[in-house]
PDB file of all heavy atoms in Angstrom:
ATOM      1  N   ASN A   1      21.008 -74.986 -96.203  1.00  0.00           N
ATOM      2  CA  ASN A   1      21.190 -76.058 -95.220  1.00  0.00           C
ATOM      3  C   ASN A   1      22.619 -76.383 -94.831  1.00  0.00           C
ATOM      4  O   ASN A   1      23.555 -76.083 -95.722  1.00  0.00           O
ATOM      5  CB  ASN A   1      20.455 -77.314 -95.574  1.00  0.00           C
ATOM      6  CG  ASN A   1      21.007 -78.037 -96.827  1.00  0.00           C
ATOM      7  OD1 ASN A   1      22.169 -78.314 -96.913  1.00  0.00           O
ATOM      8  ND2 ASN A   1      20.159 -78.277 -97.833  1.00  0.00           N
ATOM      9  N   ASP A   2      22.843 -76.907 -93.687  1.00  0.00           N
ATOM     10  CA  ASP A   2      24.196 -77.143 -93.174  1.00  0.00           C
ATOM     11  C   ASP A   2      25.017 -78.064 -94.153  1.00  0.00           C
ATOM     12  O   ASP A   2      26.167 -77.973 -94.235  1.00  0.00           O
ATOM     13  CB  ASP A   2      24.105 -77.658 -91.736  1.00  0.00           C
ATOM     14  CG  ASP A   2      23.641 -76.613 -90.800  1.00  0.00           C
ATOM     15  OD1 ASP A   2      23.693 -75.379 -91.109  1.00  0.00           O
ATOM     16  OD2 ASP A   2      23.113 -77.036 -89.715  1.00  0.00           O
ATOM     17  N   GLN A   3      24.230 -79.052 -94.686  1.00  0.00           N
ATOM     18  CA  GLN A   3      24.935 -80.086 -95.557  1.00  0.00           C
ATOM     19  C   GLN A   3      25.518 -79.332 -96.811  1.00  0.00           C
ATOM     20  O   GLN A   3      26.615 -79.564 -97.203  1.00  0.00           O
ATOM     21  CB  GLN A   3      23.984 -81.147 -95.921  1.00  0.00           C
ATOM     22  CG  GLN A   3      23.656 -82.116 -94.843  1.00  0.00           C
ATOM     23  CD  GLN A   3      22.462 -81.547 -94.046  1.00  0.00           C
ATOM     24  OE1 GLN A   3      22.061 -80.481 -94.203  1.00  0.00           O
ATOM     25  NE2 GLN A   3      22.008 -82.453 -93.087  1.00  0.00           N
ATOM     26  N   ALA A   4      24.735 -78.382 -97.353  1.00  0.00           N
ATOM     27  CA  ALA A   4      25.203 -77.643 -98.641  1.00  0.00           C
ATOM     28  C   ALA A   4      26.391 -76.769 -98.287  1.00  0.00           C
ATOM     29  O   ALA A   4      27.407 -76.747 -99.046  1.00  0.00           O
ATOM     30  CB  ALA A   4      24.086 -76.883 -99.074  1.00  0.00           C
ATOM     31  N   LEU A   5      26.439 -76.185 -97.001  1.00  0.00           N
ATOM     32  CA  LEU A   5      27.511 -75.387 -96.630  1.00  0.00           C
ATOM     33  C   LEU A   5      28.624 -76.197 -96.286  1.00  0.00           C
ATOM     34  O   LEU A   5      29.833 -75.817 -96.617  1.00  0.00           O
ATOM     35  CB  LEU A   5      27.056 -74.546 -95.356  1.00  0.00           C
ATOM     36  CG  LEU A   5      26.081 -73.441 -95.612  1.00  0.00           C
ATOM     37  CD1 LEU A   5      25.671 -72.837 -94.272  1.00  0.00           C
ATOM     38  CD2 LEU A   5      26.653 -72.346 -96.440  1.00  0.00           C
ATOM     39  N   ALA A   6      28.484 -77.407 -95.800  1.00  0.00           N
ATOM     40  CA  ALA A   6      29.538 -78.299 -95.594  1.00  0.00           C
ATOM     41  C   ALA A   6      30.262 -78.790 -96.843  1.00  0.00           C
ATOM     42  O   ALA A   6      31.585 -78.830 -96.947  1.00  0.00           O
ATOM     43  CB  ALA A   6      29.107 -79.496 -94.638  1.00  0.00           C
ATOM     44  N   VAL A   7      29.435 -79.126 -97.831  1.00  0.00           N
ATOM     45  CA  VAL A   7      29.921 -79.419 -99.157  1.00  0.00           C
ATOM     46  C   VAL A   7      30.741 -78.326 -99.720  1.00  0.00           C
ATOM     47  O   VAL A   7      31.852 -78.633-100.318  1.00  0.00           O
ATOM     48  CB  VAL A   7      28.845 -79.933-100.110  1.00  0.00           C
ATOM     49  CG1 VAL A   7      29.291 -80.094-101.518  1.00  0.00           C
ATOM     50  CG2 VAL A   7      28.145 -81.161 -99.674  1.00  0.00           C
ATOM     51  N   ARG A   8      30.203 -77.145 -99.636  1.00  0.00           N
ATOM     52  CA  ARG A   8      30.991 -75.958-100.159  1.00  0.00           C
ATOM     53  C   ARG A   8      32.325 -75.876 -99.446  1.00  0.00           C
ATOM     54  O   ARG A   8      33.431 -75.575-100.107  1.00  0.00           O
ATOM     55  CB  ARG A   8      30.232 -74.583 -99.859  1.00  0.00           C
ATOM     56  CG  ARG A   8      30.955 -73.368-100.271  1.00  0.00           C
ATOM     57  CD  ARG A   8      30.005 -72.203-100.034  1.00  0.00           C
ATOM     58  NE  ARG A   8      30.626 -70.976-100.318  1.00  0.00           N
ATOM     59  CZ  ARG A   8      31.131 -70.132 -99.342  1.00  0.00           C
ATOM     60  NH1 ARG A   8      30.977 -70.439 -98.020  1.00  0.00           N
ATOM     61  NH2 ARG A   8      31.686 -69.014 -99.630  1.00  0.00           N
ATOM     62  N   ALA A   9      32.407 -76.024 -98.156  1.00  0.00           N
ATOM     63  CA  ALA A   9      33.672 -75.907 -97.380  1.00  0.00           C
ATOM     64  C   ALA A   9      34.560 -77.054 -97.903  1.00  0.00           C
ATOM     65  O   ALA A   9      35.768 -76.763 -98.137  1.00  0.00           O
ATOM     66  CB  ALA A   9      33.438 -76.115 -95.884  1.00  0.00           C
ATOM     67  N   CYS A  10      34.179 -78.287 -98.056  1.00  0.00           N
ATOM     68  CA  CYS A  10      34.971 -79.302 -98.645  1.00  0.00           C
ATOM     69  C   CYS A  10      35.418 -79.027-100.038  1.00  0.00           C
ATOM     70  O   CYS A  10      36.664 -79.168-100.314  1.00  0.00           O
ATOM     71  CB  CYS A  10      34.141 -80.601 -98.622  1.00  0.00           C
ATOM     72  SG  CYS A  10      33.867 -81.369 -97.090  1.00  0.00           S
ATOM     73  N   ALA A  11      34.593 -78.453-100.819  1.00  0.00           N
ATOM     74  CA  ALA A  11      34.964 -78.156-102.236  1.00  0.00           C
ATOM     75  C   ALA A  11      36.094 -77.063-102.304  1.00  0.00           C
ATOM     76  O   ALA A  11      36.935 -77.159-103.069  1.00  0.00           O
ATOM     77  CB  ALA A  11      33.710 -77.734-102.942  1.00  0.00           C
ATOM     78  N   ARG A  12      35.896 -76.015-101.367  1.00  0.00           N
ATOM     79  CA  ARG A  12      36.846 -74.967-101.401  1.00  0.00           C
ATOM     80  C   ARG A  12      38.214 -75.547-100.945  1.00  0.00           C
ATOM     81  O   ARG A  12      39.283 -75.135-101.426  1.00  0.00           O
ATOM     82  CB  ARG A  12      36.412 -73.816-100.500  1.00  0.00           C
ATOM     83  CG  ARG A  12      35.245 -73.010-101.004  1.00  0.00           C
ATOM     84  CD  ARG A  12      35.600 -72.149-102.115  1.00  0.00           C
ATOM     85  NE  ARG A  12      34.521 -71.456-102.747  1.00  0.00           N
ATOM     86  CZ  ARG A  12      34.077 -70.201-102.370  1.00  0.00           C
ATOM     87  NH1 ARG A  12      34.759 -69.579-101.461  1.00  0.00           N
ATOM     88  NH2 ARG A  12      33.101 -69.614-102.973  1.00  0.00           N
ATOM     89  N   ARG A  13      38.158 -76.385 -99.907  1.00  0.00           N
ATOM     90  CA  ARG A  13      39.459 -76.991 -99.348  1.00  0.00           C
ATOM     91  C   ARG A  13      40.082 -77.837-100.497  1.00  0.00           C
ATOM     92  O   ARG A  13      41.323 -77.764-100.707  1.00  0.00           O
ATOM     93  CB  ARG A  13      39.188 -77.738 -98.126  1.00  0.00           C
ATOM     94  CG  ARG A  13      40.454 -78.228 -97.483  1.00  0.00           C
ATOM     95  CD  ARG A  13      41.417 -77.236 -97.184  1.00  0.00           C
ATOM     96  NE  ARG A  13      42.702 -77.651 -96.693  1.00  0.00           N
ATOM     97  CZ  ARG A  13      43.831 -77.099 -96.686  1.00  0.00           C
ATOM     98  NH1 ARG A  13      43.916 -75.901 -97.246  1.00  0.00           N
ATOM     99  NH2 ARG A  13      45.020 -77.640 -96.227  1.00  0.00           N
ATOM    100  N   LEU A  14      39.314 -78.548-101.189  1.00  0.00           N
ATOM    101  CA  LEU A  14      39.849 -79.448-102.191  1.00  0.00           C
ATOM    102  C   LEU A  14      40.457 -78.606-103.324  1.00  0.00           C
ATOM    103  O   LEU A  14      41.444 -78.936-103.860  1.00  0.00           O
ATOM    104  CB  LEU A  14      38.740 -80.326-102.748  1.00  0.00           C
ATOM    105  CG  LEU A  14      38.336 -81.569-102.004  1.00  0.00           C
ATOM    106  CD1 LEU A  14      36.965 -82.170-102.483  1.00  0.00           C
ATOM    107  CD2 LEU A  14      39.549 -82.656-102.096  1.00  0.00           C
ATOM    108  N   ALA A  15      39.855 -77.498-103.571  1.00  0.00           N
ATOM    109  CA  ALA A  15      40.361 -76.592-104.641  1.00  0.00           C
ATOM    110  C   ALA A  15      41.756 -76.047-104.244  1.00  0.00           C
ATOM    111  O   ALA A  15      42.736 -75.958-105.066  1.00  0.00           O
ATOM    112  CB  ALA A  15      39.348 -75.462-104.910  1.00  0.00           C
ATOM    113  N   ALA A  16      41.917 -75.804-102.945  1.00  0.00           N
ATOM    114  CA  ALA A  16      43.109 -75.285-102.438  1.00  0.00           C
ATOM    115  C   ALA A  16      44.262 -76.346-102.535  1.00  0.00           C
ATOM    116  O   ALA A  16      45.365 -76.123-102.865  1.00  0.00           O
ATOM    117  CB  ALA A  16      43.019 -74.763-100.978  1.00  0.00           C
ATOM    118  N   LEU A  17      43.880 -77.587-102.155  1.00  0.00           N
ATOM    119  CA  LEU A  17      44.804 -78.692-102.145  1.00  0.00           C
ATOM    120  C   LEU A  17      45.205 -79.011-103.608  1.00  0.00           C
ATOM    121  O   LEU A  17      46.363 -79.381-103.768  1.00  0.00           O
ATOM    122  CB  LEU A  17      44.194 -79.951-101.487  1.00  0.00           C
ATOM    123  CG  LEU A  17      44.035 -79.846-100.029  1.00  0.00           C
ATOM    124  CD1 LEU A  17      43.324 -80.984 -99.447  1.00  0.00           C
ATOM    125  CD2 LEU A  17      45.442 -79.704 -99.341  1.00  0.00           C
ATOM    126  N   ASN A  18      44.270 -78.952-104.475  1.00  0.00           N
ATOM    127  CA  ASN A  18      44.545 -79.232-105.876  1.00  0.00           C
ATOM    128  C   ASN A  18      45.511 -78.184-106.446  1.00  0.00           C
ATOM    129  O   ASN A  18      46.380 -78.570-107.290  1.00  0.00           O
ATOM    130  CB  ASN A  18      43.313 -79.302-106.799  1.00  0.00           C
ATOM    131  CG  ASN A  18      42.485 -80.604-106.634  1.00  0.00           C
ATOM    132  OD1 ASN A  18      43.140 -81.643-106.760  1.00  0.00           O
ATOM    133  ND2 ASN A  18      41.260 -80.513-106.465  1.00  0.00           N
ATOM    134  N   LYS A  19      45.310 -76.912-106.069  1.00  0.00           N
ATOM    135  CA  LYS A  19      46.229 -75.956-106.512  1.00  0.00           C
ATOM    136  C   LYS A  19      47.626 -76.118-105.942  1.00  0.00           C
ATOM    137  O   LYS A  19      48.633 -76.018-106.691  1.00  0.00           O
ATOM    138  CB  LYS A  19      45.740 -74.501-106.093  1.00  0.00           C
ATOM    139  CG  LYS A  19      46.565 -73.358-106.458  1.00  0.00           C
ATOM    140  CD  LYS A  19      45.924 -72.054-106.027  1.00  0.00           C
ATOM    141  CE  LYS A  19      46.892 -70.906-106.479  1.00  0.00           C
ATOM    142  NZ  LYS A  19      46.200 -69.567-105.998  1.00  0.00           N
ATOM    143  N   ALA A  20      47.703 -76.485-104.678  1.00  0.00           N
ATOM    144  CA  ALA A  20      49.063 -76.726-104.087  1.00  0.00           C
ATOM    145  C   ALA A  20      49.727 -78.049-104.730  1.00  0.00           C
ATOM    146  O   ALA A  20      50.976 -77.988-105.008  1.00  0.00           O
ATOM    147  CB  ALA A  20      48.798 -77.054-102.559  1.00  0.00           C
ATOM    148  N   ARG A  21      48.949 -78.972-105.131  1.00  0.00           N
ATOM    149  CA  ARG A  21      49.480 -80.135-105.844  1.00  0.00           C
ATOM    150  C   ARG A  21      49.980 -79.767-107.220  1.00  0.00           C
ATOM    151  O   ARG A  21      51.128 -80.209-107.611  1.00  0.00           O
ATOM    152  CB  ARG A  21      48.437 -81.342-106.023  1.00  0.00           C
ATOM    153  CG  ARG A  21      48.948 -82.480-106.682  1.00  0.00           C
ATOM    154  CD  ARG A  21      48.018 -83.547-106.710  1.00  0.00           C
ATOM    155  NE  ARG A  21      46.771 -83.208-107.477  1.00  0.00           N
ATOM    156  CZ  ARG A  21      45.661 -83.918-107.745  1.00  0.00           C
ATOM    157  NH1 ARG A  21      45.664 -85.202-107.296  1.00  0.00           N
ATOM    158  NH2 ARG A  21      44.660 -83.469-108.430  1.00  0.00           N
ATOM    159  N   THR A  22      49.231 -78.947-107.975  1.00  0.00           N
ATOM    160  CA  THR A  22      49.713 -78.493-109.187  1.00  0.00           C
ATOM    161  C   THR A  22      50.928 -77.691-109.097  1.00  0.00           C
ATOM    162  O   THR A  22      51.983 -77.904-109.926  1.00  0.00           O
ATOM    163  CB  THR A  22      48.646 -77.620-109.898  1.00  0.00           C
ATOM    164  OG1 THR A  22      47.453 -78.347-110.053  1.00  0.00           O
ATOM    165  CG2 THR A  22      49.109 -77.143-111.218  1.00  0.00           C
ATOM    166  N   GLN A  23      51.108 -76.889-108.127  1.00  0.00           N
ATOM    167  CA  GLN A  23      52.342 -76.081-107.897  1.00  0.00           C
ATOM    168  C   GLN A  23      53.473 -77.002-107.570  1.00  0.00           C
ATOM    169  O   GLN A  23      54.712 -76.786-108.127  1.00  0.00           O
ATOM    170  CB  GLN A  23      52.137 -75.144-106.767  1.00  0.00           C
ATOM    171  CG  GLN A  23      51.113 -73.953-107.137  1.00  0.00           C
ATOM    172  CD  GLN A  23      50.801 -73.001-105.923  1.00  0.00           C
ATOM    173  OE1 GLN A  23      51.073 -73.433-104.804  1.00  0.00           O
ATOM    174  NE2 GLN A  23      50.394 -71.883-106.104  1.00  0.00           N
ATOM    175  N   ALA A  24      53.281 -77.997-106.714  1.00  0.00           N
ATOM    176  CA  ALA A  24      54.332 -78.993-106.375  1.00  0.00           C
ATOM    177  C   ALA A  24      54.815 -79.763-107.537  1.00  0.00           C
ATOM    178  O   ALA A  24      56.005 -79.975-107.806  1.00  0.00           O
ATOM    179  CB  ALA A  24      53.833 -79.917-105.258  1.00  0.00           C
ATOM    180  N   LYS A  25      53.863 -80.200-108.438  1.00  0.00           N
ATOM    181  CA  LYS A  25      54.190 -80.882-109.647  1.00  0.00           C
ATOM    182  C   LYS A  25      55.002 -80.037-110.542  1.00  0.00           C
ATOM    183  O   LYS A  25      55.956 -80.556-111.231  1.00  0.00           O
ATOM    184  CB  LYS A  25      52.971 -81.379-110.263  1.00  0.00           C
ATOM    185  CG  LYS A  25      52.303 -82.625-109.621  1.00  0.00           C
ATOM    186  CD  LYS A  25      51.169 -83.143-110.387  1.00  0.00           C
ATOM    187  CE  LYS A  25      50.615 -84.434-109.774  1.00  0.00           C
ATOM    188  NZ  LYS A  25      49.445 -84.963-110.564  1.00  0.00           N
TER     189      LYS A  25
END
């Protein structure tokens, strides 16, 4: 369902942002 795919998209983007934050730290 579209909601599950939307959550996946959010989760993948959060993973990318978390990685960028770790690198910046």
